[in-house]
Amino acid sequence: MSQESEAQVLQIVDPEGEEIEMEVLEFLSLARGDYVVCAPVEGPADEAYAFRIVEGDEETYLEDVVDEDEWQEVVEAWQELIEEAT
């Protein structure tokens, strides 16, 4: 995992329109694309989420990973990084 001196925090809007601060844990580059793994700044320590990073014409945004196979690839890559770090 990358080591940074300062945590990077994203503002994510949930389906109800509430803004949630998420700390970036890691960026992953896989065959299907690029992903970010993050955790709520205020929330359980063992809770993490993964989003696909999408490069638009004017901006970059995050999408939920809805495909089960794609989700499994992201989870496996994240677990490998955790295992390597321990």
C-alpha atoms as a PDB file:
ATOM      1  CA  MET A   1       0.000   0.000   0.000  1.00  0.00           C
ATOM      2  CA  SER A   2       1.165   3.500  -0.641  1.00  0.00           C
ATOM      3  CA  GLN A   3       2.327   5.548   2.293  1.00  0.00           C
ATOM      4  CA  GLU A   4       1.374   9.195   2.334  1.00  0.00           C
ATOM      5  CA  SER A   5       1.978  11.736   5.073  1.00  0.00           C
ATOM      6  CA  GLU A   6      -1.529  13.153   4.826  1.00  0.00           C
ATOM      7  CA  ALA A   7      -4.764  11.255   4.281  1.00  0.00           C
ATOM      8  CA  GLN A   8      -6.702  12.084   1.137  1.00  0.00           C
ATOM      9  CA  VAL A   9     -10.413  12.641   1.792  1.00  0.00           C
ATOM     10  CA  LEU A  10     -13.212  12.513  -0.792  1.00  0.00           C
ATOM     11  CA  GLN A  11     -16.726  13.892  -0.489  1.00  0.00           C
ATOM     12  CA  ILE A  12     -19.217  11.302  -1.745  1.00  0.00           C
ATOM     13  CA  VAL A  13     -22.968  11.862  -2.058  1.00  0.00           C
ATOM     14  CA  ASP A  14     -25.051   8.831  -1.057  1.00  0.00           C
ATOM     15  CA  PRO A  15     -28.378   7.865  -2.713  1.00  0.00           C
ATOM     16  CA  GLU A  16     -30.284   9.987  -0.171  1.00  0.00           C
ATOM     17  CA  GLY A  17     -28.252  13.076  -1.093  1.00  0.00           C
ATOM     18  CA  GLU A  18     -26.179  13.080   2.108  1.00  0.00           C
ATOM     19  CA  GLU A  19     -22.485  13.984   1.803  1.00  0.00           C
ATOM     20  CA  ILE A  20     -20.102  11.471   3.358  1.00  0.00           C
ATOM     21  CA  GLU A  21     -16.393  12.056   3.907  1.00  0.00           C
ATOM     22  CA  MET A  22     -14.366   9.042   2.771  1.00  0.00           C
ATOM     23  CA  GLU A  23     -10.657   8.511   3.404  1.00  0.00           C
ATOM     24  CA  VAL A  24      -8.772   7.062   0.442  1.00  0.00           C
ATOM     25  CA  LEU A  25      -7.095   3.812   1.448  1.00  0.00           C
ATOM     26  CA  GLU A  26      -5.662   2.773  -1.919  1.00  0.00           C
ATOM     27  CA  PHE A  27      -5.871   3.215  -5.675  1.00  0.00           C
ATOM     28  CA  LEU A  28      -5.957   0.019  -7.749  1.00  0.00           C
ATOM     29  CA  SER A  29      -5.217  -0.372 -11.467  1.00  0.00           C
ATOM     30  CA  LEU A  30      -6.698  -3.590 -12.830  1.00  0.00           C
ATOM     31  CA  ALA A  31      -7.383  -4.973 -16.300  1.00  0.00           C
ATOM     32  CA  ARG A  32     -10.951  -3.626 -16.257  1.00  0.00           C
ATOM     33  CA  GLY A  33      -9.993  -0.150 -15.099  1.00  0.00           C
ATOM     34  CA  ASP A  34      -8.930   1.977 -12.172  1.00  0.00           C
ATOM     35  CA  TYR A  35     -10.537   1.830  -8.733  1.00  0.00           C
ATOM     36  CA  VAL A  36     -10.356   3.563  -5.375  1.00  0.00           C
ATOM     37  CA  VAL A  37     -10.837   1.813  -2.046  1.00  0.00           C
ATOM     38  CA  CYS A  38     -11.993   4.119   0.709  1.00  0.00           C
ATOM     39  CA  ALA A  39     -13.525   4.104   4.179  1.00  0.00           C
ATOM     40  CA  PRO A  40     -15.872   6.515   5.939  1.00  0.00           C
ATOM     41  CA  VAL A  41     -13.984   9.046   8.051  1.00  0.00           C
ATOM     42  CA  GLU A  42     -16.658   8.574  10.718  1.00  0.00           C
ATOM     43  CA  GLY A  43     -17.695   4.953  10.891  1.00  0.00           C
ATOM     44  CA  PRO A  44     -16.595   1.425  11.702  1.00  0.00           C
ATOM     45  CA  ALA A  45     -12.854   0.847  11.293  1.00  0.00           C
ATOM     46  CA  ASP A  46     -13.431  -2.369   9.326  1.00  0.00           C
ATOM     47  CA  GLU A  47     -15.789  -0.819   6.748  1.00  0.00           C
ATOM     48  CA  ALA A  48     -14.418  -0.153   3.250  1.00  0.00           C
ATOM     49  CA  TYR A  49     -15.919   0.580  -0.164  1.00  0.00           C
ATOM     50  CA  ALA A  50     -14.573   0.295  -3.696  1.00  0.00           C
ATOM     51  CA  PHE A  51     -15.559   2.496  -6.625  1.00  0.00           C
ATOM     52  CA  ARG A  52     -14.602   2.500 -10.309  1.00  0.00           C
ATOM     53  CA  ILE A  53     -12.850   5.706 -11.401  1.00  0.00           C
ATOM     54  CA  VAL A  54     -14.350   7.073 -14.611  1.00  0.00           C
ATOM     55  CA  GLU A  55     -12.606   9.731 -16.679  1.00  0.00           C
ATOM     56  CA  GLY A  56     -15.202  11.969 -18.329  1.00  0.00           C
ATOM     57  CA  ASP A  57     -14.634  14.724 -20.882  1.00  0.00           C
ATOM     58  CA  GLU A  58     -14.683  17.482 -18.280  1.00  0.00           C
ATOM     59  CA  GLU A  59     -14.299  15.681 -14.956  1.00  0.00           C
ATOM     60  CA  THR A  60     -13.446  12.479 -13.161  1.00  0.00           C
ATOM     61  CA  TYR A  61     -16.152  10.719 -11.157  1.00  0.00           C
ATOM     62  CA  LEU A  62     -16.765   7.491  -9.238  1.00  0.00           C
ATOM     63  CA  GLU A  63     -19.216   4.706 -10.063  1.00  0.00           C
ATOM     64  CA  ASP A  64     -20.438   1.786  -7.999  1.00  0.00           C
ATOM     65  CA  VAL A  65     -19.066  -1.589  -9.069  1.00  0.00           C
ATOM     66  CA  VAL A  66     -22.229  -3.554  -9.867  1.00  0.00           C
ATOM     67  CA  ASP A  67     -20.866  -6.456 -11.931  1.00  0.00           C
ATOM     68  CA  GLU A  68     -20.251  -9.423  -9.593  1.00  0.00           C
ATOM     69  CA  ASP A  69     -17.132 -10.659 -11.450  1.00  0.00           C
ATOM     70  CA  GLU A  70     -15.627  -7.178 -11.547  1.00  0.00           C
ATOM     71  CA  TRP A  71     -16.403  -6.712  -7.833  1.00  0.00           C
ATOM     72  CA  GLN A  72     -14.669 -10.008  -7.020  1.00  0.00           C
ATOM     73  CA  GLU A  73     -11.548  -8.917  -8.943  1.00  0.00           C
ATOM     74  CA  VAL A  74     -11.387  -5.669  -6.972  1.00  0.00           C
ATOM     75  CA  VAL A  75     -11.867  -7.461  -3.639  1.00  0.00           C
ATOM     76  CA  GLU A  76      -9.153  -9.998  -4.467  1.00  0.00           C
ATOM     77  CA  ALA A  77      -6.695  -7.258  -5.494  1.00  0.00           C
ATOM     78  CA  TRP A  78      -7.419  -5.334  -2.284  1.00  0.00           C
ATOM     79  CA  GLN A  79      -6.976  -8.473  -0.149  1.00  0.00           C
ATOM     80  CA  GLU A  80      -3.636  -9.209  -1.854  1.00  0.00           C
ATOM     81  CA  LEU A  81      -2.386  -5.717  -0.977  1.00  0.00           C
ATOM     82  CA  ILE A  82      -3.442  -6.155   2.640  1.00  0.00           C
ATOM     83  CA  GLU A  83      -1.702  -9.538   2.844  1.00  0.00           C
ATOM     84  CA  GLU A  84       1.492  -8.108   1.330  1.00  0.00           C
ATOM     85  CA  ALA A  85       1.483  -5.298   3.870  1.00  0.00           C
ATOM     86  CA  THR A  86       1.235  -7.636   6.876  1.00  0.00           C
END
